[in-house]
Amino acid sequence: MAEGGREYGSDLNWSPEYVENLQEQKDEVLVFQSLFEVEGDQRFSIISDGPIDLTDDQMFSLQFLVPVKSPYELMTVNVCIPEGDLRENDVNNKDVVLQRSESRNTVFASFSVKFLTPLRLTVVLTPGYPSFEPPIFTLSSSWLNGDHLTSLCIQLDRLWNECPSMPILFSWIDWLEHNIFSYLGISDKVFVQQCVTDDDIDTRAVPDCDNIDDTVNEMLRYNMQEEITEFLRYDQECGICFCEKSGRDFDRLLPCKHHFCRDCMAEHCSLHVKEGTVQNLLCPEPKCETEIRPYILKEVLNDDDYERWERLILQHGLDTMGDIIYCPRCQNVVVKEEDLGHCLSCLFTFCTKCLEKWHQGDTCFFEKEVEGDEDSSGKNGSNESGYVHVEESEDERKRLRRQRRKEMNLSYQLIRARTRQCAKCKAPIEKNGGCNKVTCSKCGNAMCWACGRDITKISYAHFSDNPKCGNFTIDDDILQMPFRDPTPQKVREIEEAILEGGVVAERNVKRCPHCRQRNLRENRNNHMKCWNCKNSFCFLCFELIKPPYTKHFTNTLCKQHSKHDVEDMQPRKPRKKADMNS
């Protein structure tokens, strides 16, 4: 008999029946190889090949991963985690719900899956198989206990006894795949716990749950892989254009699992990138806030749009940082330190107020009043010398550049005075009318204009729970008047004072610690009373004070009246005079 170019010799240990068994084993293995000959399919693997010739004692060793078909749409997996194991192997997954037992010594976790991890059937084909003896096998699972696996091993023996002297592997695998739930009486809930040693279980039954954390993660990982495989196998309907296409032409978002065809997803993403609203690159499904992952954007956007998305998302991140400014020379990002900025790219050190080179010890020209601009321009026009004309034009350009930078800084001050940062994306928001519920045009979040809190979920219930915020801070009649500024009069007065007084006036402005409205200190009086919520607070220590108000200024280091208009305005904790004496 020839096999693979080798000729079996005559060996007394190998009878003709054994030789026939070997040939049937090779045929059976060849059938399984053809069935599972799919790239990446790991359901069948050969651990060791059979004998090369009749003098070889090596036997076939095979391993099958048997997927179990559940009759239920979803399976609930309950996991028991001892307290000691929870500290070492904490299950860190948001899909897992943790609950502690009444004794506080055990933690129960539960999660839902559609696909359970497969059983592992390891088989050794003996020389007597299939003519007169069954193969040697072990059966292991991470979600079946030892008693369940023992019952399955007994059933596999029964199947062999019903059909002796026949290849049995395919029948075993088919039965395990379709009949486990009905045979064991398992409902839509399974219980997983750490393996315990039990002498009563069959030696062929091997529970595989030594580490709870690894078991749970493996079950979740396998369920996700199988869901994706099933999704790609069938046609799907797009939630935007309602067209049916192959699952491979869809993008599936996680963890919400909404899916849309690639054409609609590309149009959705491209629209937000072109409009600059990259914060709204969320799942197109209404009321779903799942962010679109970068790998999907890389797939659906062209190179120019993807580069623009990267630039916009970086710009948005930098804009939310209060200590970021751009170098006036190379426009690179610079982290400013108070009034000083040092660019690491071009090594330019500059003043963050006037954007000119650093002038330590000199008063910034931005804090001075710009005087004599018209006189200098008149002198420039009256001189007719060519050389002087060049110097005058350079002076004129410098004056215009300084004037533009002054206007830019005034714009920044106006933005700070009339806007508030969005509670989510930190973009500046200007209220253009209506009630105190304002909506960010970039991210769509709602916030309270009075206190600055995020009220997207609770909406107008915030004003019922916090009556001091007030649904309206101005009359509705004012909003109906044409060409009227709807901003409260007190806010406009503070803005005008800042614009007129510059930095000195801005340092005399503090936000109320209760409602966060801006208040201007007058006549160096450190007892501030908020014009919006009517609460009193100390300008120096930023603490709310209650009557009698003089008690705060007599028992602490805070003075009710400052000697100068500008002092150290950093918030500080009030200290009692008795503490200083001690």
Protein backbone atom coordinates (compact mmCIF):
# COMPACT_ATOMS: atom_id res chain seq x y z
CA MET A 1 0.00 0.00 0.00
CA ALA A 2 1.43 3.35 -1.05
CA GLU A 3 0.66 6.70 0.68
CA GLY A 4 2.42 10.01 -0.14
CA GLY A 5 5.26 8.29 -2.01
CA ARG A 6 5.98 5.95 0.97
CA GLU A 7 5.33 2.17 0.98
CA TYR A 8 4.09 0.58 4.17
CA GLY A 9 6.15 -2.34 5.24
CA SER A 10 4.89 -5.46 6.90
CA ASP A 11 4.81 -4.98 10.66
CA LEU A 12 3.40 -7.54 13.04
CA ASN A 13 1.93 -4.76 15.27
CA TRP A 14 -0.23 -3.46 12.44
CA SER A 15 -2.99 -5.83 11.37
CA PRO A 16 -4.88 -5.29 8.08
CA GLU A 17 -7.77 -3.92 10.17
CA TYR A 18 -5.49 -1.25 11.65
CA VAL A 19 -4.24 -0.33 8.19
CA GLU A 20 -7.83 0.07 7.00
CA ASN A 21 -8.61 2.22 10.08
CA LEU A 22 -5.66 4.47 9.29
CA GLN A 23 -6.92 5.02 5.77
CA GLU A 24 -10.42 5.88 7.04
CA GLN A 25 -8.94 8.30 9.55
CA LYS A 26 -7.01 10.08 6.80
CA ASP A 27 -10.13 10.27 4.67
CA GLU A 28 -12.11 11.72 7.57
CA VAL A 29 -9.43 14.32 8.29
CA LEU A 30 -9.36 15.24 4.60
CA VAL A 31 -13.12 15.80 4.66
CA PHE A 32 -12.85 18.17 7.63
CA GLN A 33 -10.04 20.05 5.94
CA SER A 34 -12.21 20.61 2.86
CA LEU A 35 -15.18 21.70 5.00
CA PHE A 36 -13.20 24.27 6.97
CA GLU A 37 -10.88 25.36 4.19
CA VAL A 38 -11.79 29.03 4.66
CA GLU A 39 -9.09 31.59 5.28
CA GLY A 40 -9.08 32.59 8.93
CA ASP A 41 -11.48 29.78 9.99
CA GLN A 42 -10.09 28.30 13.21
CA ARG A 43 -12.92 25.88 13.97
CA PHE A 44 -10.75 22.91 12.95
CA SER A 45 -7.06 22.38 13.51
CA ILE A 46 -4.69 19.41 13.41
CA ILE A 47 -2.58 19.25 16.55
CA SER A 48 -0.50 16.30 15.35
CA ASP A 49 -0.54 14.29 12.09
CA GLY A 50 -1.08 10.58 11.90
CA PRO A 51 1.67 7.95 11.41
CA ILE A 52 3.93 8.32 8.39
CA ASP A 53 4.29 4.56 8.00
CA LEU A 54 3.37 1.45 9.90
CA THR A 55 6.45 1.69 12.10
CA ASP A 56 5.33 5.09 13.46
CA ASP A 57 3.34 5.14 16.72
CA GLN A 58 2.09 8.73 16.27
CA MET A 59 -1.70 9.15 16.12
CA PHE A 60 -3.96 11.86 14.75
CA SER A 61 -4.78 14.60 17.32
CA LEU A 62 -7.53 17.01 16.25
CA GLN A 63 -9.24 20.01 17.83
CA PHE A 64 -12.71 21.34 17.00
CA LEU A 65 -14.24 24.64 18.12
CA VAL A 66 -17.95 23.86 18.10
CA PRO A 67 -20.22 26.95 17.90
CA VAL A 68 -23.43 26.42 19.85
CA LYS A 69 -26.65 27.61 18.22
CA SER A 70 -28.88 29.25 20.81
CA PRO A 71 -32.69 29.18 20.42
CA TYR A 72 -32.88 32.59 22.11
CA GLU A 73 -32.30 36.03 20.58
CA LEU A 74 -30.10 37.12 23.48
CA MET A 75 -28.40 35.23 26.26
CA THR A 76 -27.87 36.72 29.72
CA VAL A 77 -24.59 35.70 31.32
CA ASN A 78 -24.40 35.97 35.11
CA VAL A 79 -20.92 35.87 36.61
CA CYS A 80 -19.96 35.31 40.24
CA ILE A 81 -16.77 37.16 41.25
CA PRO A 82 -15.22 36.63 44.70
CA GLU A 83 -14.10 39.80 46.45
CA GLY A 84 -10.43 38.85 46.34
CA ASP A 85 -10.52 38.18 42.59
CA LEU A 86 -12.28 41.48 41.95
CA ARG A 87 -9.32 43.44 43.28
CA GLU A 88 -6.83 41.53 41.19
CA ASN A 89 -8.85 41.01 38.00
CA ASP A 90 -11.38 43.80 37.95
CA VAL A 91 -13.82 43.40 35.07
CA ASN A 92 -13.42 46.70 33.25
CA ASN A 93 -16.11 46.86 30.58
CA LYS A 94 -19.06 49.22 30.34
CA ASP A 95 -21.27 46.42 28.93
CA VAL A 96 -20.98 44.55 32.24
CA VAL A 97 -23.31 45.49 35.10
CA LEU A 98 -21.86 44.87 38.58
CA GLN A 99 -23.92 44.28 41.72
CA ARG A 100 -22.70 43.37 45.20
CA SER A 101 -24.35 40.66 47.29
CA GLU A 102 -25.98 41.32 50.63
CA SER A 103 -22.99 39.83 52.46
CA ARG A 104 -20.72 42.28 50.55
CA ASN A 105 -18.26 39.41 49.95
CA THR A 106 -19.30 38.55 46.40
CA VAL A 107 -19.91 40.63 43.30
CA PHE A 108 -22.37 39.52 40.62
CA ALA A 109 -21.85 40.71 37.06
CA SER A 110 -24.32 40.33 34.19
CA PHE A 111 -24.19 41.07 30.49
CA SER A 112 -26.02 40.03 27.35
CA VAL A 113 -24.60 38.32 24.28
CA LYS A 114 -26.02 36.87 21.10
CA PHE A 115 -23.28 34.30 20.55
CA LEU A 116 -21.72 32.14 23.25
CA THR A 117 -18.11 31.05 23.01
CA PRO A 118 -17.70 27.68 21.27
CA LEU A 119 -17.02 24.36 22.96
CA ARG A 120 -13.54 22.92 22.56
CA LEU A 121 -13.54 19.25 21.53
CA THR A 122 -10.08 17.64 21.42
CA VAL A 123 -9.93 14.18 19.81
CA VAL A 124 -7.18 11.55 19.49
CA LEU A 125 -7.81 8.89 16.81
CA THR A 126 -6.54 5.56 18.14
CA PRO A 127 -5.51 2.72 15.82
CA GLY A 128 -8.73 0.90 16.68
CA TYR A 129 -10.95 3.76 15.47
CA PRO A 130 -13.42 3.46 13.81
CA SER A 131 -13.63 -0.33 13.54
CA PHE A 132 -14.04 -1.35 17.19
CA GLU A 133 -13.17 1.52 19.59
CA PRO A 134 -14.22 5.22 19.85
CA PRO A 135 -11.73 8.06 19.72
CA ILE A 136 -10.28 9.45 22.92
CA PHE A 137 -11.69 12.94 23.59
CA THR A 138 -11.89 15.81 26.07
CA LEU A 139 -14.62 18.46 26.14
CA SER A 140 -14.09 21.92 27.64
CA SER A 141 -16.17 25.10 27.92
CA SER A 142 -15.95 28.42 29.76
CA TRP A 143 -19.70 28.75 30.46
CA LEU A 144 -20.67 25.14 31.26
CA ASN A 145 -19.88 23.65 34.66
CA GLY A 146 -18.41 20.22 35.34
CA ASP A 147 -21.79 18.49 35.73
CA HIS A 148 -23.00 19.81 32.37
CA LEU A 149 -19.83 18.71 30.61
CA THR A 150 -20.05 15.27 32.25
CA SER A 151 -23.59 14.85 30.91
CA LEU A 152 -22.38 15.79 27.44
CA CYS A 153 -19.52 13.28 27.60
CA ILE A 154 -21.98 10.52 28.52
CA GLN A 155 -24.20 11.52 25.60
CA LEU A 156 -21.24 11.35 23.18
CA ASP A 157 -20.54 7.80 24.43
CA ARG A 158 -24.20 6.94 23.84
CA LEU A 159 -24.02 8.26 20.26
CA TRP A 160 -21.00 6.04 19.61
CA ASN A 161 -22.78 3.00 21.01
CA GLU A 162 -25.73 3.65 18.71
CA CYS A 163 -23.49 3.65 15.61
CA PRO A 164 -20.37 1.55 16.37
CA SER A 165 -17.70 0.92 13.78
CA MET A 166 -18.65 4.12 11.92
CA PRO A 167 -16.92 7.52 11.70
CA ILE A 168 -18.51 9.43 14.54
CA LEU A 169 -16.80 12.85 14.64
CA PHE A 170 -19.25 14.66 12.36
CA SER A 171 -22.23 13.28 14.30
CA TRP A 172 -20.70 14.44 17.58
CA ILE A 173 -20.09 17.96 16.28
CA ASP A 174 -23.56 18.26 14.73
CA TRP A 175 -25.25 17.10 17.93
CA LEU A 176 -23.24 19.45 20.15
CA GLU A 177 -24.01 22.36 17.85
CA HIS A 178 -27.82 21.95 17.83
CA ASN A 179 -28.96 20.04 20.94
CA ILE A 180 -27.10 21.30 24.01
CA PHE A 181 -29.81 23.68 25.26
CA SER A 182 -32.66 21.18 24.98
CA TYR A 183 -30.61 18.29 26.38
CA LEU A 184 -29.29 20.19 29.43
CA GLY A 185 -32.49 22.23 29.95
CA ILE A 186 -30.66 25.57 29.81
CA SER A 187 -32.81 28.71 29.57
CA ASP A 188 -31.75 32.09 28.23
CA LYS A 189 -29.55 32.61 31.30
CA VAL A 190 -26.24 30.93 32.06
CA PHE A 191 -24.20 31.16 35.23
CA VAL A 192 -20.40 31.38 35.10
CA GLN A 193 -18.16 30.96 38.10
CA GLN A 194 -14.54 30.11 38.74
CA CYS A 195 -13.59 26.45 38.34
CA VAL A 196 -13.61 24.29 41.47
CA THR A 197 -12.10 20.84 41.87
CA ASP A 198 -14.72 18.08 41.94
CA ASP A 199 -13.92 14.36 41.97
CA ASP A 200 -17.41 13.41 40.78
CA ILE A 201 -17.10 14.90 37.29
CA ASP A 202 -15.84 12.93 34.31
CA THR A 203 -12.11 13.18 33.69
CA ARG A 204 -12.87 14.06 30.08
CA ALA A 205 -14.92 17.12 31.17
CA VAL A 206 -12.64 20.15 31.51
CA PRO A 207 -14.29 23.41 32.71
CA ASP A 208 -12.25 26.32 31.35
CA CYS A 209 -12.85 29.26 33.69
CA ASP A 210 -9.69 29.74 35.69
CA ASN A 211 -9.74 33.54 35.39
CA ILE A 212 -13.08 35.36 35.53
CA ASP A 213 -11.79 38.54 33.93
CA ASP A 214 -10.28 36.72 30.95
CA THR A 215 -13.42 34.63 30.53
CA VAL A 216 -15.75 37.63 30.46
CA ASN A 217 -13.55 39.58 28.05
CA GLU A 218 -13.24 36.55 25.77
CA MET A 219 -17.02 36.08 25.69
CA LEU A 220 -17.59 39.74 24.84
CA ARG A 221 -14.84 39.72 22.21
CA TYR A 222 -16.17 36.56 20.54
CA ASN A 223 -19.73 37.91 20.54
CA MET A 224 -18.58 41.12 18.84
CA GLN A 225 -16.62 39.23 16.19
CA GLU A 226 -19.55 36.96 15.39
CA GLU A 227 -21.97 39.90 15.18
CA ILE A 228 -19.70 41.62 12.67
CA THR A 229 -19.33 38.41 10.66
CA GLU A 230 -23.09 37.93 10.58
CA PHE A 231 -23.61 41.58 9.63
CA LEU A 232 -21.24 41.31 6.66
CA ARG A 233 -22.80 38.06 5.48
CA TYR A 234 -26.29 39.44 4.73
CA ASP A 235 -27.82 42.46 2.97
CA GLN A 236 -28.62 45.47 5.15
CA GLU A 237 -30.90 48.49 4.84
CA CYS A 238 -29.44 51.99 5.18
CA GLY A 239 -31.11 54.21 7.77
CA ILE A 240 -30.66 57.31 5.58
CA CYS A 241 -31.41 56.35 1.97
CA PHE A 242 -33.32 53.12 2.87
CA CYS A 243 -31.51 51.19 0.13
CA GLU A 244 -30.59 47.54 0.57
CA LYS A 245 -26.96 46.73 -0.09
CA SER A 246 -24.42 44.14 0.89
CA GLY A 247 -23.22 44.36 4.47
CA ARG A 248 -19.70 44.91 3.19
CA ASP A 249 -20.84 48.26 1.74
CA PHE A 250 -21.90 49.55 5.17
CA ASP A 251 -20.18 51.24 8.10
CA ARG A 252 -21.28 49.96 11.49
CA LEU A 253 -20.84 52.28 14.46
CA LEU A 254 -19.95 51.02 17.89
CA PRO A 255 -21.18 50.76 20.57
CA CYS A 256 -24.61 51.91 19.31
CA LYS A 257 -24.50 49.35 16.40
CA HIS A 258 -26.31 51.69 13.99
CA HIS A 259 -25.30 51.13 10.38
CA PHE A 260 -25.40 53.28 7.25
CA CYS A 261 -24.21 52.73 3.70
CA ARG A 262 -20.79 54.05 2.87
CA ASP A 263 -22.10 56.62 0.36
CA CYS A 264 -24.45 58.25 2.89
CA MET A 265 -21.81 58.12 5.60
CA ALA A 266 -19.29 59.80 3.30
CA GLU A 267 -21.76 62.59 2.47
CA HIS A 268 -22.64 63.05 6.15
CA CYS A 269 -19.01 63.30 7.24
CA SER A 270 -17.93 65.46 4.30
CA LEU A 271 -20.72 67.97 5.00
CA HIS A 272 -19.64 68.52 8.62
CA VAL A 273 -15.97 68.76 7.68
CA LYS A 274 -16.65 71.37 4.98
CA GLU A 275 -18.85 73.42 7.33
CA GLY A 276 -16.29 73.13 10.12
CA THR A 277 -18.69 71.51 12.60
CA VAL A 278 -16.44 68.58 13.40
CA GLN A 279 -17.89 68.43 16.91
CA ASN A 280 -21.16 67.23 15.34
CA LEU A 281 -19.58 64.22 13.64
CA LEU A 282 -21.90 61.86 15.50
CA CYS A 283 -24.06 58.93 14.53
CA PRO A 284 -26.76 60.11 12.04
CA GLU A 285 -29.40 58.26 14.03
CA PRO A 286 -31.61 60.82 15.87
CA LYS A 287 -30.77 61.30 19.56
CA CYS A 288 -27.69 59.07 19.26
CA GLU A 289 -24.46 60.66 20.50
CA THR A 290 -22.01 57.97 19.42
CA GLU A 291 -18.92 59.57 17.92
CA ILE A 292 -17.74 58.46 14.48
CA ARG A 293 -14.38 56.76 14.90
CA PRO A 294 -11.30 58.08 13.04
CA TYR A 295 -10.88 54.82 11.11
CA ILE A 296 -14.33 55.33 9.54
CA LEU A 297 -13.49 58.94 8.67
CA LYS A 298 -10.24 57.77 7.09
CA GLU A 299 -12.23 55.33 4.97
CA VAL A 300 -15.05 57.62 3.76
CA LEU A 301 -13.24 60.99 3.39
CA ASN A 302 -10.79 61.91 0.70
CA ASP A 303 -7.27 62.94 1.65
CA ASP A 304 -7.98 66.69 1.60
CA ASP A 305 -11.11 66.42 3.77
CA TYR A 306 -9.40 64.07 6.21
CA GLU A 307 -6.48 66.47 6.54
CA ARG A 308 -8.93 69.32 7.12
CA TRP A 309 -10.70 67.26 9.80
CA GLU A 310 -7.42 66.64 11.61
CA ARG A 311 -6.61 70.35 11.46
CA LEU A 312 -10.06 71.41 12.70
CA ILE A 313 -10.14 68.91 15.55
CA LEU A 314 -6.70 70.09 16.65
CA GLN A 315 -7.80 73.71 16.37
CA HIS A 316 -10.89 72.99 18.44
CA GLY A 317 -8.78 71.35 21.12
CA LEU A 318 -6.41 74.31 21.25
CA ASP A 319 -9.26 76.84 21.35
CA THR A 320 -10.63 75.24 24.50
CA MET A 321 -7.30 75.85 26.27
CA GLY A 322 -7.10 79.25 27.90
CA ASP A 323 -3.29 79.47 27.91
CA ILE A 324 -2.80 79.11 24.14
CA ILE A 325 -1.86 81.93 21.76
CA TYR A 326 -0.36 82.01 18.26
CA CYS A 327 3.07 83.37 17.43
CA PRO A 328 2.72 86.65 15.46
CA ARG A 329 5.66 85.65 13.25
CA CYS A 330 5.25 81.97 12.30
CA GLN A 331 1.65 81.41 13.57
CA ASN A 332 2.66 78.33 15.53
CA VAL A 333 1.02 77.45 18.83
CA VAL A 334 2.59 79.02 21.91
CA VAL A 335 1.81 78.38 25.58
CA LYS A 336 1.67 81.80 27.19
CA GLU A 337 2.78 82.63 30.71
CA GLU A 338 0.79 85.65 31.87
CA ASP A 339 1.93 88.46 29.52
CA LEU A 340 4.89 86.53 28.05
CA GLY A 341 4.94 84.23 25.04
CA HIS A 342 7.95 82.31 23.73
CA CYS A 343 7.72 80.49 20.41
CA LEU A 344 9.75 77.28 20.32
CA SER A 345 9.72 77.23 16.51
CA CYS A 346 11.14 80.64 15.59
CA LEU A 347 12.42 81.49 19.14
CA PHE A 348 10.51 84.80 19.12
CA THR A 349 9.65 86.18 22.56
CA PHE A 350 6.72 88.58 22.53
CA CYS A 351 4.13 90.35 24.65
CA THR A 352 0.79 88.54 24.56
CA LYS A 353 -1.13 91.83 24.75
CA CYS A 354 0.40 93.93 21.98
CA LEU A 355 2.04 90.97 20.14
CA GLU A 356 5.25 93.00 19.81
CA LYS A 357 8.67 91.83 21.00
CA TRP A 358 8.98 91.41 24.75
CA HIS A 359 9.40 94.72 26.60
CA GLN A 360 10.12 93.78 30.19
CA GLY A 361 9.81 96.72 32.57
CA ASP A 362 8.13 98.97 29.99
CA THR A 363 4.43 99.70 30.04
CA CYS A 364 2.68 97.95 27.15
CA PHE A 365 1.51 100.45 24.57
CA PHE A 366 -1.85 98.69 24.57
CA GLU A 367 -2.47 100.02 28.09
CA LYS A 368 -1.82 103.57 26.95
CA GLU A 369 -4.09 105.75 24.95
CA VAL A 370 -3.07 106.01 21.34
CA GLU A 371 -2.39 109.70 20.86
CA GLY A 372 -0.93 111.79 18.10
CA ASP A 373 -1.80 109.39 15.27
CA GLU A 374 -3.41 112.11 13.18
CA ASP A 375 -0.54 114.58 13.86
CA SER A 376 2.10 112.08 12.83
CA SER A 377 0.19 111.27 9.66
CA GLY A 378 -0.06 115.00 8.86
CA LYS A 379 3.66 115.44 9.33
CA ASN A 380 4.33 112.54 7.06
CA GLY A 381 2.31 114.17 4.29
CA SER A 382 4.02 117.57 4.62
CA ASN A 383 7.58 116.28 4.15
CA GLU A 384 8.81 115.95 0.58
CA SER A 385 12.23 114.35 1.12
CA GLY A 386 12.56 110.94 -0.48
CA TYR A 387 14.67 109.47 2.33
CA VAL A 388 12.38 110.91 4.98
CA HIS A 389 9.41 109.62 3.00
CA VAL A 390 10.72 106.05 3.36
CA GLU A 391 11.11 106.48 7.14
CA GLU A 392 7.66 107.99 7.40
CA SER A 393 6.07 105.15 5.45
CA GLU A 394 7.73 102.63 7.77
CA ASP A 395 6.44 104.55 10.78
CA GLU A 396 3.02 104.63 9.21
CA ARG A 397 3.03 100.89 8.66
CA LYS A 398 4.15 100.34 12.24
CA ARG A 399 1.41 102.63 13.49
CA LEU A 400 -1.22 100.81 11.43
CA ARG A 401 0.05 97.44 12.60
CA ARG A 402 -0.18 98.56 16.20
CA GLN A 403 -3.63 99.97 15.59
CA ARG A 404 -4.80 96.67 14.09
CA ARG A 405 -3.42 94.76 17.05
CA LYS A 406 -5.11 97.18 19.44
CA GLU A 407 -8.41 96.62 17.65
CA MET A 408 -7.85 92.87 17.79
CA ASN A 409 -7.25 93.00 21.54
CA LEU A 410 -10.33 95.15 21.97
CA SER A 411 -12.25 92.50 20.05
CA TYR A 412 -10.93 89.83 22.41
CA GLN A 413 -12.04 91.92 25.37
CA LEU A 414 -15.47 92.39 23.86
CA ILE A 415 -15.77 88.65 23.27
CA ARG A 416 -14.81 87.95 26.87
CA ALA A 417 -17.28 90.54 28.12
CA ARG A 418 -20.28 89.51 26.02
CA THR A 419 -19.86 85.76 25.63
CA ARG A 420 -19.65 82.69 27.79
CA GLN A 421 -17.99 79.38 27.11
CA CYS A 422 -20.11 76.40 26.17
CA ALA A 423 -20.20 73.88 29.01
CA LYS A 424 -19.24 71.06 26.61
CA CYS A 425 -17.10 72.31 23.71
CA LYS A 426 -15.90 75.57 25.38
CA ALA A 427 -16.80 77.62 22.30
CA PRO A 428 -17.78 81.27 23.03
CA ILE A 429 -21.54 81.84 22.96
CA GLU A 430 -23.29 85.19 22.64
CA LYS A 431 -26.89 85.39 23.73
CA ASN A 432 -29.02 87.03 21.04
CA GLY A 433 -32.32 87.04 22.85
CA GLY A 434 -34.91 84.84 24.51
CA CYS A 435 -34.72 83.06 27.82
CA ASN A 436 -31.69 81.96 29.79
CA LYS A 437 -31.57 78.59 28.03
CA VAL A 438 -29.03 79.06 25.24
CA THR A 439 -27.96 76.44 22.67
CA CYS A 440 -24.44 76.16 21.30
CA SER A 441 -24.39 76.38 17.52
CA LYS A 442 -21.31 74.12 17.34
CA CYS A 443 -22.09 71.12 19.52
CA GLY A 444 -25.84 71.61 20.09
CA ASN A 445 -25.60 71.47 23.89
CA ALA A 446 -27.87 73.66 26.01
CA MET A 447 -26.64 75.66 28.98
CA CYS A 448 -27.99 78.12 31.52
CA TRP A 449 -26.89 81.65 30.72
CA ALA A 450 -27.06 82.67 34.39
CA CYS A 451 -24.94 79.93 36.01
CA GLY A 452 -23.23 78.33 33.00
CA ARG A 453 -24.33 74.75 33.80
CA ASP A 454 -25.06 72.11 31.15
CA ILE A 455 -28.86 71.66 31.04
CA THR A 456 -29.12 69.57 27.87
CA LYS A 457 -30.81 66.65 29.64
CA ILE A 458 -32.98 68.46 32.20
CA SER A 459 -33.83 71.46 29.96
CA TYR A 460 -36.25 73.96 31.58
CA ALA A 461 -36.53 71.89 34.76
CA HIS A 462 -33.23 73.54 35.74
CA PHE A 463 -34.98 76.88 36.26
CA SER A 464 -37.65 75.28 38.46
CA ASP A 465 -35.00 73.67 40.66
CA ASN A 466 -32.84 76.83 40.69
CA PRO A 467 -35.18 79.84 40.91
CA LYS A 468 -32.24 82.22 41.46
CA CYS A 469 -31.07 81.60 37.90
CA GLY A 470 -34.36 82.88 36.53
CA ASN A 471 -35.81 81.80 33.19
CA PHE A 472 -35.58 85.39 31.95
CA THR A 473 -33.21 88.11 33.06
CA ILE A 474 -34.77 90.76 30.79
CA ASP A 475 -38.29 91.70 29.72
CA ASP A 476 -39.80 89.97 26.73
CA ASP A 477 -40.95 93.39 25.45
CA ILE A 478 -37.35 94.46 24.94
CA LEU A 479 -36.74 91.50 22.63
CA GLN A 480 -39.69 92.50 20.45
CA MET A 481 -38.42 96.03 19.94
CA PRO A 482 -36.48 96.42 16.66
CA PHE A 483 -32.85 97.48 16.69
CA ARG A 484 -32.56 97.24 20.49
CA ASP A 485 -29.70 95.47 22.23
CA PRO A 486 -31.32 92.71 24.33
CA THR A 487 -28.35 92.60 26.75
CA PRO A 488 -29.26 93.74 30.31
CA GLN A 489 -28.37 97.35 31.04
CA LYS A 490 -25.97 96.41 33.85
CA VAL A 491 -24.04 94.07 31.54
CA ARG A 492 -23.72 96.82 28.93
CA GLU A 493 -22.46 99.24 31.57
CA ILE A 494 -19.77 96.77 32.67
CA GLU A 495 -18.74 96.15 29.06
CA GLU A 496 -18.45 99.87 28.38
CA ALA A 497 -16.42 100.36 31.57
CA ILE A 498 -13.99 97.64 30.48
CA LEU A 499 -13.63 99.12 27.01
CA GLU A 500 -13.00 102.58 28.43
CA GLY A 501 -10.81 101.62 31.39
CA GLY A 502 -8.87 98.84 29.71
CA VAL A 503 -6.89 96.43 31.87
CA VAL A 504 -7.36 98.50 35.04
CA ALA A 505 -11.15 98.25 34.79
CA GLU A 506 -11.03 94.59 33.81
CA ARG A 507 -9.12 93.77 37.00
CA ASN A 508 -11.94 95.36 39.00
CA VAL A 509 -14.47 92.90 37.55
CA LYS A 510 -15.33 89.70 39.39
CA ARG A 511 -17.92 87.02 38.72
CA CYS A 512 -20.48 86.31 41.40
CA PRO A 513 -19.62 82.96 43.08
CA HIS A 514 -23.32 82.03 43.01
CA CYS A 515 -24.69 82.98 39.58
CA ARG A 516 -21.39 83.69 37.76
CA GLN A 517 -22.54 87.11 36.50
CA ARG A 518 -19.83 89.77 36.07
CA ASN A 519 -19.83 92.59 38.62
CA LEU A 520 -17.75 95.79 38.64
CA ARG A 521 -16.15 97.06 41.84
CA GLU A 522 -16.83 100.74 42.44
CA ASN A 523 -15.07 103.23 44.71
CA ARG A 524 -12.61 100.54 45.90
CA ASN A 525 -15.38 98.96 48.00
CA ASN A 526 -14.64 95.25 48.42
CA HIS A 527 -18.20 94.51 49.55
CA MET A 528 -19.77 93.43 46.26
CA LYS A 529 -23.49 92.93 45.74
CA CYS A 530 -24.42 91.01 42.61
CA TRP A 531 -26.82 92.90 40.39
CA ASN A 532 -28.36 89.62 39.16
CA CYS A 533 -28.92 87.34 42.17
CA LYS A 534 -28.56 90.06 44.86
CA ASN A 535 -26.06 87.97 46.85
CA SER A 536 -23.18 89.69 48.63
CA PHE A 537 -19.58 88.50 48.31
CA CYS A 538 -16.07 89.70 49.08
CA PHE A 539 -14.05 91.03 46.16
CA LEU A 540 -10.74 89.92 47.71
CA CYS A 541 -11.40 86.36 48.90
CA PHE A 542 -14.30 85.58 46.54
CA GLU A 543 -16.48 84.24 49.40
CA LEU A 544 -20.23 84.73 49.84
CA ILE A 545 -20.91 86.85 52.93
CA LYS A 546 -24.05 87.16 55.01
CA PRO A 547 -25.29 89.97 57.23
CA PRO A 548 -23.97 91.58 59.23
CA TYR A 549 -21.56 92.23 56.39
CA THR A 550 -19.03 94.18 58.48
CA LYS A 551 -18.35 91.04 60.52
CA HIS A 552 -16.51 89.48 57.58
CA PHE A 553 -14.17 92.45 57.19
CA THR A 554 -13.49 92.82 60.92
CA ASN A 555 -12.80 89.12 61.65
CA THR A 556 -10.68 88.39 58.58
CA LEU A 557 -7.71 89.94 56.83
CA CYS A 558 -9.96 91.28 54.06
CA LYS A 559 -10.38 95.06 54.13
CA GLN A 560 -13.69 96.57 53.15
CA HIS A 561 -11.99 99.42 51.24
CA SER A 562 -8.75 99.10 49.31
CA LYS A 563 -6.18 101.87 49.17
CA HIS A 564 -5.63 101.55 45.42
CA ASP A 565 -7.74 100.74 42.39
CA VAL A 566 -5.65 97.67 41.46
CA GLU A 567 -4.37 95.19 44.03
CA ASP A 568 -3.57 91.52 44.14
CA MET A 569 -6.91 90.18 43.01
CA GLN A 570 -6.14 86.45 43.27
CA PRO A 571 -8.88 84.63 45.25
CA ARG A 572 -7.61 83.71 48.68
CA LYS A 573 -9.04 81.93 51.65
CA PRO A 574 -10.05 84.38 54.41
CA ARG A 575 -8.01 84.06 57.59
CA LYS A 576 -9.09 85.29 60.96
CA LYS A 577 -6.97 87.80 62.82
CA ALA A 578 -6.76 85.46 65.81
CA ASP A 579 -4.95 82.95 63.61
CA MET A 580 -2.31 85.55 62.75
CA ASN A 581 -1.72 86.40 66.41
CA SER A 582 -1.14 82.75 67.22
